[in-house]
Amino acid sequence: MRICIRCNTKMVENCGIKVKGARYGVVLTDDEDKWFGGRLGEPKVAICPSCGEVSIYLEDVNKLKNQER
């Protein structure tokens, strides 16, 4: 359960992001120079029904935790 950082209201989770005019979507990566490699997954969105705050998050952080830096 995500709580809004602005007003402490329970957020609506598992919403998505649509990019207007593009069919490619949005993908998170651990290296902006890699086009196909280093993908961490598609971002999810949580929206506060009270104030409209939007939170973008990665649902599965295991790939990020396994990165050797």
PDB file of N, CA and C in Angstrom:
ATOM      1  N   MET A   1       0.839  -1.174   0.000  1.00  0.00           N
ATOM      2  CA  MET A   1       0.000   0.000   0.000  1.00  0.00           C
ATOM      3  C   MET A   1       0.890   1.245   0.000  1.00  0.00           C
ATOM      4  N   ARG A   2       0.628   2.121  -0.918  1.00  0.00           N
ATOM      5  CA  ARG A   2       1.377   3.367  -0.999  1.00  0.00           C
ATOM      6  C   ARG A   2       0.554   4.488  -0.389  1.00  0.00           C
ATOM      7  N   ILE A   3       1.265   5.326   0.363  1.00  0.00           N
ATOM      8  CA  ILE A   3       0.638   6.474   1.005  1.00  0.00           C
ATOM      9  C   ILE A   3       1.195   7.743   0.365  1.00  0.00           C
ATOM     10  N   CYS A   4       0.314   8.676   0.069  1.00  0.00           N
ATOM     11  CA  CYS A   4       0.692   9.929  -0.568  1.00  0.00           C
ATOM     12  C   CYS A   4       1.660  10.717   0.321  1.00  0.00           C
ATOM     13  N   ILE A   5       2.752  11.197  -0.256  1.00  0.00           N
ATOM     14  CA  ILE A   5       3.734  11.973   0.504  1.00  0.00           C
ATOM     15  C   ILE A   5       3.237  13.390   0.787  1.00  0.00           C
ATOM     16  N   ARG A   6       2.191  13.808   0.102  1.00  0.00           N
ATOM     17  CA  ARG A   6       1.649  15.160   0.287  1.00  0.00           C
ATOM     18  C   ARG A   6       0.571  15.220   1.365  1.00  0.00           C
ATOM     19  N   CYS A   7      -0.386  14.267   1.317  1.00  0.00           N
ATOM     20  CA  CYS A   7      -1.547  14.385   2.207  1.00  0.00           C
ATOM     21  C   CYS A   7      -1.846  13.121   3.017  1.00  0.00           C
ATOM     22  N   ASN A   8      -0.970  12.114   2.940  1.00  0.00           N
ATOM     23  CA  ASN A   8      -1.095  10.871   3.716  1.00  0.00           C
ATOM     24  C   ASN A   8      -2.355  10.063   3.415  1.00  0.00           C
ATOM     25  N   THR A   9      -2.857  10.146   2.189  1.00  0.00           N
ATOM     26  CA  THR A   9      -4.018   9.375   1.759  1.00  0.00           C
ATOM     27  C   THR A   9      -3.541   8.114   1.052  1.00  0.00           C
ATOM     28  N   LYS A  10      -4.293   7.019   1.184  1.00  0.00           N
ATOM     29  CA  LYS A  10      -3.974   5.781   0.466  1.00  0.00           C
ATOM     30  C   LYS A  10      -4.093   6.038  -1.042  1.00  0.00           C
ATOM     31  N   MET A  11      -3.057   5.658  -1.786  1.00  0.00           N
ATOM     32  CA  MET A  11      -3.007   5.900  -3.228  1.00  0.00           C
ATOM     33  C   MET A  11      -3.613   4.734  -4.007  1.00  0.00           C
ATOM     34  N   VAL A  12      -4.113   5.021  -5.200  1.00  0.00           N
ATOM     35  CA  VAL A  12      -4.607   3.994  -6.117  1.00  0.00           C
ATOM     36  C   VAL A  12      -3.393   3.486  -6.888  1.00  0.00           C
ATOM     37  N   GLU A  13      -3.053   2.211  -6.724  1.00  0.00           N
ATOM     38  CA  GLU A  13      -1.844   1.642  -7.322  1.00  0.00           C
ATOM     39  C   GLU A  13      -2.135   0.913  -8.631  1.00  0.00           C
ATOM     40  N   ASN A  14      -1.068   0.451  -9.272  1.00  0.00           N
ATOM     41  CA  ASN A  14      -1.095  -0.338 -10.502  1.00  0.00           C
ATOM     42  C   ASN A  14      -1.714   0.394 -11.681  1.00  0.00           C
ATOM     43  N   CYS A  15      -1.590   1.698 -11.695  1.00  0.00           N
ATOM     44  CA  CYS A  15      -1.988   2.476 -12.861  1.00  0.00           C
ATOM     45  C   CYS A  15      -0.817   2.450 -13.844  1.00  0.00           C
ATOM     46  N   GLY A  16      -1.029   2.888 -15.054  1.00  0.00           N
ATOM     47  CA  GLY A  16       0.025   2.847 -16.059  1.00  0.00           C
ATOM     48  C   GLY A  16       0.357   4.220 -16.599  1.00  0.00           C
ATOM     49  N   ILE A  17       1.333   4.238 -17.510  1.00  0.00           N
ATOM     50  CA  ILE A  17       1.755   5.462 -18.191  1.00  0.00           C
ATOM     51  C   ILE A  17       1.569   5.239 -19.683  1.00  0.00           C
ATOM     52  N   LYS A  18       0.931   6.161 -20.338  1.00  0.00           N
ATOM     53  CA  LYS A  18       0.805   6.118 -21.795  1.00  0.00           C
ATOM     54  C   LYS A  18       1.498   7.352 -22.344  1.00  0.00           C
ATOM     55  N   VAL A  19       2.321   7.160 -23.362  1.00  0.00           N
ATOM     56  CA  VAL A  19       3.027   8.260 -23.989  1.00  0.00           C
ATOM     57  C   VAL A  19       2.244   8.673 -25.219  1.00  0.00           C
ATOM     58  N   LYS A  20       1.789   9.891 -25.235  1.00  0.00           N
ATOM     59  CA  LYS A  20       0.972  10.390 -26.333  1.00  0.00           C
ATOM     60  C   LYS A  20       1.797  10.451 -27.616  1.00  0.00           C
ATOM     61  N   GLY A  21       1.254   9.900 -28.684  1.00  0.00           N
ATOM     62  CA  GLY A  21       1.929   9.977 -29.978  1.00  0.00           C
ATOM     63  C   GLY A  21       3.004   8.924 -30.190  1.00  0.00           C
ATOM     64  N   ALA A  22       3.222   8.045 -29.250  1.00  0.00           N
ATOM     65  CA  ALA A  22       4.250   7.007 -29.398  1.00  0.00           C
ATOM     66  C   ALA A  22       3.681   5.673 -28.943  1.00  0.00           C
ATOM     67  N   ARG A  23       4.090   4.626 -29.601  1.00  0.00           N
ATOM     68  CA  ARG A  23       3.608   3.287 -29.241  1.00  0.00           C
ATOM     69  C   ARG A  23       4.642   2.491 -28.476  1.00  0.00           C
ATOM     70  N   TYR A  24       5.735   3.092 -28.145  1.00  0.00           N
ATOM     71  CA  TYR A  24       6.840   2.360 -27.548  1.00  0.00           C
ATOM     72  C   TYR A  24       6.707   2.186 -26.049  1.00  0.00           C
ATOM     73  N   GLY A  25       5.983   3.055 -25.366  1.00  0.00           N
ATOM     74  CA  GLY A  25       5.855   2.968 -23.929  1.00  0.00           C
ATOM     75  C   GLY A  25       7.086   3.494 -23.214  1.00  0.00           C
ATOM     76  N   VAL A  26       7.172   3.192 -21.942  1.00  0.00           N
ATOM     77  CA  VAL A  26       8.267   3.652 -21.100  1.00  0.00           C
ATOM     78  C   VAL A  26       8.890   2.430 -20.446  1.00  0.00           C
ATOM     79  N   VAL A  27      10.232   2.352 -20.451  1.00  0.00           N
ATOM     80  CA  VAL A  27      10.954   1.255 -19.815  1.00  0.00           C
ATOM     81  C   VAL A  27      12.039   1.856 -18.943  1.00  0.00           C
ATOM     82  N   LEU A  28      12.197   1.338 -17.741  1.00  0.00           N
ATOM     83  CA  LEU A  28      13.259   1.788 -16.852  1.00  0.00           C
ATOM     84  C   LEU A  28      14.512   0.963 -17.113  1.00  0.00           C
ATOM     85  N   THR A  29      15.670   1.631 -17.071  1.00  0.00           N
ATOM     86  CA  THR A  29      16.943   0.960 -17.322  1.00  0.00           C
ATOM     87  C   THR A  29      17.973   1.413 -16.300  1.00  0.00           C
ATOM     88  N   ASP A  30      18.964   0.584 -16.046  1.00  0.00           N
ATOM     89  CA  ASP A  30      20.012   0.945 -15.098  1.00  0.00           C
ATOM     90  C   ASP A  30      21.143   1.718 -15.756  1.00  0.00           C
ATOM     91  N   ASP A  31      21.088   1.876 -17.082  1.00  0.00           N
ATOM     92  CA  ASP A  31      22.128   2.606 -17.807  1.00  0.00           C
ATOM     93  C   ASP A  31      21.496   3.284 -19.014  1.00  0.00           C
ATOM     94  N   GLU A  32      21.428   4.600 -19.023  1.00  0.00           N
ATOM     95  CA  GLU A  32      20.756   5.316 -20.104  1.00  0.00           C
ATOM     96  C   GLU A  32      21.459   5.169 -21.450  1.00  0.00           C
ATOM     97  N   ASP A  33      22.709   4.712 -21.470  1.00  0.00           N
ATOM     98  CA  ASP A  33      23.432   4.527 -22.728  1.00  0.00           C
ATOM     99  C   ASP A  33      23.118   3.190 -23.392  1.00  0.00           C
ATOM    100  N   LYS A  34      22.493   2.271 -22.655  1.00  0.00           N
ATOM    101  CA  LYS A  34      22.126   0.973 -23.209  1.00  0.00           C
ATOM    102  C   LYS A  34      20.732   1.059 -23.800  1.00  0.00           C
ATOM    103  N   TRP A  35      20.576   0.684 -25.071  1.00  0.00           N
ATOM    104  CA  TRP A  35      19.265   0.761 -25.698  1.00  0.00           C
ATOM    105  C   TRP A  35      18.407  -0.458 -25.352  1.00  0.00           C
ATOM    106  N   PHE A  36      18.964  -1.647 -25.457  1.00  0.00           N
ATOM    107  CA  PHE A  36      18.189  -2.854 -25.180  1.00  0.00           C
ATOM    108  C   PHE A  36      18.619  -3.553 -23.896  1.00  0.00           C
ATOM    109  N   GLY A  37      19.843  -3.383 -23.476  1.00  0.00           N
ATOM    110  CA  GLY A  37      20.325  -4.045 -22.271  1.00  0.00           C
ATOM    111  C   GLY A  37      20.037  -3.241 -21.020  1.00  0.00           C
ATOM    112  N   GLY A  38      20.132  -3.864 -19.896  1.00  0.00           N
ATOM    113  CA  GLY A  38      19.976  -3.176 -18.619  1.00  0.00           C
ATOM    114  C   GLY A  38      18.553  -2.809 -18.260  1.00  0.00           C
ATOM    115  N   ARG A  39      17.578  -3.438 -18.891  1.00  0.00           N
ATOM    116  CA  ARG A  39      16.184  -3.095 -18.610  1.00  0.00           C
ATOM    117  C   ARG A  39      15.763  -3.605 -17.240  1.00  0.00           C
ATOM    118  N   LEU A  40      15.140  -2.727 -16.499  1.00  0.00           N
ATOM    119  CA  LEU A  40      14.666  -3.077 -15.159  1.00  0.00           C
ATOM    120  C   LEU A  40      13.180  -3.376 -15.133  1.00  0.00           C
ATOM    121  N   GLY A  41      12.464  -2.946 -16.136  1.00  0.00           N
ATOM    122  CA  GLY A  41      11.033  -3.215 -16.207  1.00  0.00           C
ATOM    123  C   GLY A  41      10.232  -1.978 -16.557  1.00  0.00           C
ATOM    124  N   GLU A  42       8.929  -2.170 -16.659  1.00  0.00           N
ATOM    125  CA  GLU A  42       8.039  -1.058 -16.963  1.00  0.00           C
ATOM    126  C   GLU A  42       7.587  -0.410 -15.666  1.00  0.00           C
ATOM    127  N   PRO A  43       7.553   0.920 -15.639  1.00  0.00           N
ATOM    128  CA  PRO A  43       7.136   1.600 -14.416  1.00  0.00           C
ATOM    129  C   PRO A  43       5.634   1.479 -14.179  1.00  0.00           C
ATOM    130  N   LYS A  44       5.264   1.493 -12.933  1.00  0.00           N
ATOM    131  CA  LYS A  44       3.864   1.538 -12.503  1.00  0.00           C
ATOM    132  C   LYS A  44       3.609   2.925 -11.934  1.00  0.00           C
ATOM    133  N   VAL A  45       2.347   3.263 -11.813  1.00  0.00           N
ATOM    134  CA  VAL A  45       1.978   4.581 -11.303  1.00  0.00           C
ATOM    135  C   VAL A  45       0.957   4.418 -10.181  1.00  0.00           C
ATOM    136  N   ALA A  46       1.118   5.211  -9.143  1.00  0.00           N
ATOM    137  CA  ALA A  46       0.124   5.322  -8.077  1.00  0.00           C
ATOM    138  C   ALA A  46      -0.366   6.762  -8.076  1.00  0.00           C
ATOM    139  N   ILE A  47      -1.684   6.936  -7.942  1.00  0.00           N
ATOM    140  CA  ILE A  47      -2.274   8.265  -7.994  1.00  0.00           C
ATOM    141  C   ILE A  47      -3.084   8.500  -6.723  1.00  0.00           C
ATOM    142  N   CYS A  48      -2.887   9.648  -6.109  1.00  0.00           N
ATOM    143  CA  CYS A  48      -3.643   9.997  -4.911  1.00  0.00           C
ATOM    144  C   CYS A  48      -5.023  10.509  -5.317  1.00  0.00           C
ATOM    145  N   PRO A  49      -6.087   9.866  -4.822  1.00  0.00           N
ATOM    146  CA  PRO A  49      -7.432  10.303  -5.173  1.00  0.00           C
ATOM    147  C   PRO A  49      -7.845  11.596  -4.475  1.00  0.00           C
ATOM    148  N   SER A  50      -7.061  12.032  -3.506  1.00  0.00           N
ATOM    149  CA  SER A  50      -7.398  13.229  -2.748  1.00  0.00           C
ATOM    150  C   SER A  50      -6.775  14.495  -3.348  1.00  0.00           C
ATOM    151  N   CYS A  51      -5.456  14.453  -3.596  1.00  0.00           N
ATOM    152  CA  CYS A  51      -4.769  15.664  -4.068  1.00  0.00           C
ATOM    153  C   CYS A  51      -4.211  15.553  -5.481  1.00  0.00           C
ATOM    154  N   GLY A  52      -4.230  14.340  -6.064  1.00  0.00           N
ATOM    155  CA  GLY A  52      -3.745  14.166  -7.426  1.00  0.00           C
ATOM    156  C   GLY A  52      -2.251  13.909  -7.551  1.00  0.00           C
ATOM    157  N   GLU A  53      -1.544  13.776  -6.455  1.00  0.00           N
ATOM    158  CA  GLU A  53      -0.110  13.456  -6.495  1.00  0.00           C
ATOM    159  C   GLU A  53       0.098  12.168  -7.269  1.00  0.00           C
ATOM    160  N   VAL A  54       1.134  12.147  -8.125  1.00  0.00           N
ATOM    161  CA  VAL A  54       1.457  10.969  -8.927  1.00  0.00           C
ATOM    162  C   VAL A  54       2.809  10.426  -8.484  1.00  0.00           C
ATOM    163  N   SER A  55       2.871   9.123  -8.265  1.00  0.00           N
ATOM    164  CA  SER A  55       4.107   8.455  -7.870  1.00  0.00           C
ATOM    165  C   SER A  55       4.425   7.379  -8.898  1.00  0.00           C
ATOM    166  N   ILE A  56       5.625   7.433  -9.465  1.00  0.00           N
ATOM    167  CA  ILE A  56       6.076   6.426 -10.422  1.00  0.00           C
ATOM    168  C   ILE A  56       7.002   5.473  -9.675  1.00  0.00           C
ATOM    169  N   TYR A  57       6.745   4.162  -9.804  1.00  0.00           N
ATOM    170  CA  TYR A  57       7.550   3.197  -9.059  1.00  0.00           C
ATOM    171  C   TYR A  57       7.804   1.948  -9.897  1.00  0.00           C
ATOM    172  N   LEU A  58       8.821   1.204  -9.496  1.00  0.00           N
ATOM    173  CA  LEU A  58       9.169  -0.068 -10.107  1.00  0.00           C
ATOM    174  C   LEU A  58       8.646  -1.160  -9.186  1.00  0.00           C
ATOM    175  N   GLU A  59       7.744  -1.990  -9.705  1.00  0.00           N
ATOM    176  CA  GLU A  59       7.101  -3.004  -8.874  1.00  0.00           C
ATOM    177  C   GLU A  59       8.078  -4.088  -8.410  1.00  0.00           C
ATOM    178  N   ASP A  60       8.936  -4.569  -9.298  1.00  0.00           N
ATOM    179  CA  ASP A  60       9.889  -5.634  -8.970  1.00  0.00           C
ATOM    180  C   ASP A  60      11.290  -5.035  -8.918  1.00  0.00           C
ATOM    181  N   VAL A  61      11.811  -4.835  -7.730  1.00  0.00           N
ATOM    182  CA  VAL A  61      13.125  -4.206  -7.573  1.00  0.00           C
ATOM    183  C   VAL A  61      14.264  -5.233  -7.492  1.00  0.00           C
ATOM    184  N   ASN A  62      13.964  -6.522  -7.694  1.00  0.00           N
ATOM    185  CA  ASN A  62      15.001  -7.553  -7.594  1.00  0.00           C
ATOM    186  C   ASN A  62      16.126  -7.356  -8.601  1.00  0.00           C
ATOM    187  N   LYS A  63      15.793  -6.943  -9.829  1.00  0.00           N
ATOM    188  CA  LYS A  63      16.846  -6.717 -10.819  1.00  0.00           C
ATOM    189  C   LYS A  63      17.760  -5.583 -10.389  1.00  0.00           C
ATOM    190  N   LEU A  64      17.193  -4.557  -9.793  1.00  0.00           N
ATOM    191  CA  LEU A  64      17.983  -3.422  -9.322  1.00  0.00           C
ATOM    192  C   LEU A  64      18.870  -3.822  -8.161  1.00  0.00           C
ATOM    193  N   LYS A  65      18.344  -4.626  -7.233  1.00  0.00           N
ATOM    194  CA  LYS A  65      19.117  -5.067  -6.067  1.00  0.00           C
ATOM    195  C   LYS A  65      20.265  -5.978  -6.468  1.00  0.00           C
ATOM    196  N   ASN A  66      20.111  -6.698  -7.587  1.00  0.00           N
ATOM    197  CA  ASN A  66      21.139  -7.636  -8.023  1.00  0.00           C
ATOM    198  C   ASN A  66      22.248  -6.984  -8.845  1.00  0.00           C
ATOM    199  N   GLN A  67      22.137  -5.691  -9.118  1.00  0.00           N
ATOM    200  CA  GLN A  67      23.169  -5.009  -9.902  1.00  0.00           C
ATOM    201  C   GLN A  67      24.433  -4.866  -9.084  1.00  0.00           C
ATOM    202  N   GLU A  68      25.555  -5.164  -9.686  1.00  0.00           N
ATOM    203  CA  GLU A  68      26.849  -4.958  -9.028  1.00  0.00           C
ATOM    204  C   GLU A  68      27.357  -3.583  -9.434  1.00  0.00           C
ATOM    205  N   ARG A  69      27.525  -2.727  -8.485  1.00  0.00           N
ATOM    206  CA  ARG A  69      27.985  -1.359  -8.756  1.00  0.00           C
ATOM    207  C   ARG A  69      29.282  -1.124  -8.041  1.00  0.00           C
TER     208      ARG A  69
END
